[in-house]
Amino acid sequence: MRGLIDRKGEQFGYLQGSTLYTLDGEPTGRLRDGFIEDMAGNRLWRLVGDGVYSLDGSETIGFFGEQRDERYDF
């Protein structure tokens, strides 16, 4: 599991496998071919390394944190 962190340093979602979830555990999208897509397959954001950007790259959305073992989620 990897947290999705906004530009202010606050987590607003997490990636488990290739599925993106809200903090409430609702699936909201998926990672596919270097993009985050909504559940309908529409591209929302571009992934470059751990950075998440708008599709045209002009806006930073946030970044993915380190891989964490969910068994130790405090």
C-alpha atoms as a PDB file:
ATOM      1  CA  MET A   1       0.000   0.000   0.000  1.00  0.00           C
ATOM      2  CA  ARG A   2       1.250   3.500  -0.875  1.00  0.00           C
ATOM      3  CA  GLY A   3      -0.315   6.727   0.354  1.00  0.00           C
ATOM      4  CA  LEU A   4      -1.294   9.438  -2.112  1.00  0.00           C
ATOM      5  CA  ILE A   5      -0.076  12.720  -0.608  1.00  0.00           C
ATOM      6  CA  ASP A   6      -1.177  16.186  -1.765  1.00  0.00           C
ATOM      7  CA  ARG A   7       1.122  19.212  -2.165  1.00  0.00           C
ATOM      8  CA  LYS A   8       0.493  20.234   1.453  1.00  0.00           C
ATOM      9  CA  GLY A   9       1.704  16.863   2.735  1.00  0.00           C
ATOM     10  CA  GLU A  10      -1.724  15.464   3.612  1.00  0.00           C
ATOM     11  CA  GLN A  11      -2.749  11.989   2.544  1.00  0.00           C
ATOM     12  CA  PHE A  12      -5.972  11.908   0.555  1.00  0.00           C
ATOM     13  CA  GLY A  13      -5.954   8.386  -0.842  1.00  0.00           C
ATOM     14  CA  TYR A  14      -3.896   5.246  -1.212  1.00  0.00           C
ATOM     15  CA  LEU A  15      -2.828   2.796  -3.866  1.00  0.00           C
ATOM     16  CA  GLN A  16      -3.155  -0.894  -3.183  1.00  0.00           C
ATOM     17  CA  GLY A  17      -1.982  -3.007  -6.083  1.00  0.00           C
ATOM     18  CA  SER A  18      -3.137  -0.992  -9.086  1.00  0.00           C
ATOM     19  CA  THR A  19      -6.352   0.317  -7.473  1.00  0.00           C
ATOM     20  CA  LEU A  20      -6.633   3.814  -5.978  1.00  0.00           C
ATOM     21  CA  TYR A  21      -8.864   4.205  -2.913  1.00  0.00           C
ATOM     22  CA  THR A  22     -10.221   7.108  -0.898  1.00  0.00           C
ATOM     23  CA  LEU A  23      -9.300   7.228   2.784  1.00  0.00           C
ATOM     24  CA  ASP A  24     -12.726   5.696   3.445  1.00  0.00           C
ATOM     25  CA  GLY A  25     -11.694   2.612   1.472  1.00  0.00           C
ATOM     26  CA  GLU A  26     -13.848   3.313  -1.587  1.00  0.00           C
ATOM     27  CA  PRO A  27     -12.204   2.424  -4.924  1.00  0.00           C
ATOM     28  CA  THR A  28     -11.931   5.590  -6.970  1.00  0.00           C
ATOM     29  CA  GLY A  29      -9.530   4.761  -9.780  1.00  0.00           C
ATOM     30  CA  ARG A  30      -6.664   2.632 -11.007  1.00  0.00           C
ATOM     31  CA  LEU A  31      -3.095   2.926 -12.189  1.00  0.00           C
ATOM     32  CA  ARG A  32      -2.652   1.931 -15.824  1.00  0.00           C
ATOM     33  CA  ASP A  33       0.157   2.650 -18.308  1.00  0.00           C
ATOM     34  CA  GLY A  34       1.575   5.626 -16.390  1.00  0.00           C
ATOM     35  CA  PHE A  35      -1.795   7.275 -15.717  1.00  0.00           C
ATOM     36  CA  ILE A  36      -4.355   7.327 -12.933  1.00  0.00           C
ATOM     37  CA  GLU A  37      -7.778   6.596 -14.423  1.00  0.00           C
ATOM     38  CA  ASP A  38     -11.209   6.834 -12.861  1.00  0.00           C
ATOM     39  CA  MET A  39     -13.217   3.626 -12.521  1.00  0.00           C
ATOM     40  CA  ALA A  40     -14.712   4.201 -15.985  1.00  0.00           C
ATOM     41  CA  GLY A  41     -11.245   4.238 -17.582  1.00  0.00           C
ATOM     42  CA  ASN A  42     -10.994   8.021 -18.146  1.00  0.00           C
ATOM     43  CA  ARG A  43      -7.498   9.403 -17.591  1.00  0.00           C
ATOM     44  CA  LEU A  44      -7.312  11.857 -14.702  1.00  0.00           C
ATOM     45  CA  TRP A  45      -3.635  12.328 -13.854  1.00  0.00           C
ATOM     46  CA  ARG A  46      -0.194  11.485 -15.232  1.00  0.00           C
ATOM     47  CA  LEU A  47       2.321   9.558 -13.123  1.00  0.00           C
ATOM     48  CA  VAL A  48       6.025  10.413 -13.498  1.00  0.00           C
ATOM     49  CA  GLY A  49       8.162   8.449 -11.041  1.00  0.00           C
ATOM     50  CA  ASP A  50       6.327   8.920  -7.741  1.00  0.00           C
ATOM     51  CA  GLY A  51       4.926  12.311  -8.796  1.00  0.00           C
ATOM     52  CA  VAL A  52       1.280  12.779  -9.798  1.00  0.00           C
ATOM     53  CA  TYR A  53       0.549  15.589 -12.266  1.00  0.00           C
ATOM     54  CA  SER A  54      -2.300  16.970 -14.336  1.00  0.00           C
ATOM     55  CA  LEU A  55      -2.586  15.349 -17.759  1.00  0.00           C
ATOM     56  CA  ASP A  56      -0.692  18.181 -19.451  1.00  0.00           C
ATOM     57  CA  GLY A  57       1.930  18.252 -16.668  1.00  0.00           C
ATOM     58  CA  SER A  58       1.246  21.877 -15.756  1.00  0.00           C
ATOM     59  CA  GLU A  59      -0.038  21.197 -12.230  1.00  0.00           C
ATOM     60  CA  THR A  60       1.382  19.049  -9.459  1.00  0.00           C
ATOM     61  CA  ILE A  61      -1.325  16.991  -7.761  1.00  0.00           C
ATOM     62  CA  GLY A  62       0.933  15.244  -5.257  1.00  0.00           C
ATOM     63  CA  PHE A  63       3.044  12.119  -4.927  1.00  0.00           C
ATOM     64  CA  PHE A  64       2.947   8.523  -3.788  1.00  0.00           C
ATOM     65  CA  GLY A  65       4.693   7.755  -0.510  1.00  0.00           C
ATOM     66  CA  GLU A  66       6.824   4.723   0.261  1.00  0.00           C
ATOM     67  CA  GLN A  67       5.467   1.202   0.051  1.00  0.00           C
ATOM     68  CA  ARG A  68       3.980   0.235   3.440  1.00  0.00           C
ATOM     69  CA  ASP A  69       2.906  -3.115   4.754  1.00  0.00           C
ATOM     70  CA  GLU A  70      -0.763  -2.624   5.656  1.00  0.00           C
ATOM     71  CA  ARG A  71      -0.438  -5.075   8.555  1.00  0.00           C
ATOM     72  CA  TYR A  72       1.467  -2.356  10.400  1.00  0.00           C
ATOM     73  CA  ASP A  73      -0.932   0.511   9.696  1.00  0.00           C
ATOM     74  CA  PHE A  74      -1.063   2.530  12.934  1.00  0.00           C
END
